[in-house]
Amino acid sequence: MTIKLIAAGIIAPVLLWIGFFYYKDREKPEPLHEILLAYLMGLVTAFLCYKAYSLLPYIGLPEDASIIMENDRIKFFWR
């Protein structure tokens, strides 16, 4: 996958939802900069969660939860 395809997959839904909210709330629309800021904060949060996911082995959890599921199903649901 190229970075352009990934960026298009991220940006297209954002533009769709911004357009929808602007169309739906024509009488008293929210300021565009506030909507863009909310989406930007969501993007930053998703990136931070992605990076935090790589830290799971350092606290004793495998990166792939199916490893726990294959070994011990009770332990999988307990954690």
Protein backbone atom coordinates (compact mmCIF):
# COMPACT_ATOMS: atom_id res chain seq x y z
CA MET A 1 0.00 0.00 0.00
CA THR A 2 1.23 3.41 -0.76
CA ILE A 3 1.02 6.34 1.58
CA LYS A 4 -1.38 8.07 -0.83
CA LEU A 5 -3.84 5.21 -0.61
CA ILE A 6 -3.64 5.16 3.18
CA ALA A 7 -4.08 8.95 3.35
CA ALA A 8 -7.08 8.74 1.03
CA GLY A 9 -8.64 6.10 3.28
CA ILE A 10 -8.23 8.42 6.24
CA ILE A 11 -9.14 11.74 4.63
CA ALA A 12 -12.15 10.61 2.56
CA PRO A 13 -14.35 9.66 5.55
CA VAL A 14 -13.35 12.87 7.33
CA LEU A 15 -14.47 14.96 4.38
CA LEU A 16 -17.66 12.93 4.08
CA TRP A 17 -18.60 13.48 7.74
CA ILE A 18 -17.70 17.17 7.71
CA GLY A 19 -19.84 17.62 4.62
CA PHE A 20 -22.70 15.69 6.23
CA PHE A 21 -22.61 17.75 9.42
CA TYR A 22 -22.47 20.99 7.49
CA TYR A 23 -25.39 19.91 5.30
CA LYS A 24 -27.45 18.67 8.23
CA ASP A 25 -26.89 21.75 10.41
CA ARG A 26 -27.43 24.54 7.87
CA GLU A 27 -29.22 26.94 10.20
CA LYS A 28 -26.57 27.18 12.90
CA PRO A 29 -23.43 25.37 11.75
CA GLU A 30 -20.52 24.75 14.04
CA PRO A 31 -17.35 26.68 13.23
CA LEU A 32 -15.28 24.73 10.73
CA HIS A 33 -12.09 25.11 12.75
CA GLU A 34 -13.71 23.39 15.75
CA ILE A 35 -14.83 20.44 13.64
CA LEU A 36 -11.39 20.11 12.08
CA LEU A 37 -9.79 20.33 15.52
CA ALA A 38 -12.01 17.53 16.80
CA TYR A 39 -11.04 15.29 13.87
CA LEU A 40 -7.37 16.16 14.32
CA MET A 41 -7.55 15.26 18.02
CA GLY A 42 -9.15 11.94 17.07
CA LEU A 43 -6.35 11.27 14.59
CA VAL A 44 -3.70 12.05 17.20
CA THR A 45 -5.44 9.82 19.72
CA ALA A 46 -5.60 6.94 17.23
CA PHE A 47 -1.88 7.34 16.51
CA LEU A 48 -1.05 7.32 20.23
CA CYS A 49 -3.13 4.17 20.74
CA TYR A 50 -1.29 2.54 17.83
CA LYS A 51 2.05 3.37 19.43
CA ALA A 52 0.90 2.24 22.89
CA TYR A 53 -0.14 -1.10 21.39
CA SER A 54 3.51 -1.83 20.64
CA LEU A 55 4.31 -1.46 24.36
CA LEU A 56 2.18 -4.45 25.38
CA PRO A 57 5.08 -6.95 25.49
CA TYR A 58 6.87 -4.74 28.02
CA ILE A 59 4.03 -5.16 30.53
CA GLY A 60 3.74 -8.89 30.00
CA LEU A 61 1.01 -9.10 27.37
CA PRO A 62 1.58 -10.43 23.87
CA GLU A 63 0.91 -8.14 20.93
CA ASP A 64 -1.50 -10.68 19.49
CA ALA A 65 -4.34 -11.66 21.81
CA SER A 66 -4.95 -14.88 19.90
CA ILE A 67 -1.78 -16.32 21.47
CA ILE A 68 -3.43 -16.16 24.91
CA MET A 69 -6.68 -17.50 23.45
CA GLU A 70 -4.93 -20.55 21.97
CA ASN A 71 -3.15 -21.41 25.22
CA ASP A 72 -5.75 -20.70 27.90
CA ARG A 73 -9.24 -19.34 27.16
CA ILE A 74 -10.03 -18.65 30.82
CA LYS A 75 -6.88 -16.54 31.17
CA PHE A 76 -7.87 -14.65 28.00
CA PHE A 77 -11.20 -13.57 29.44
CA TRP A 78 -9.76 -12.86 32.89
CA ARG A 79 -7.23 -10.31 31.59
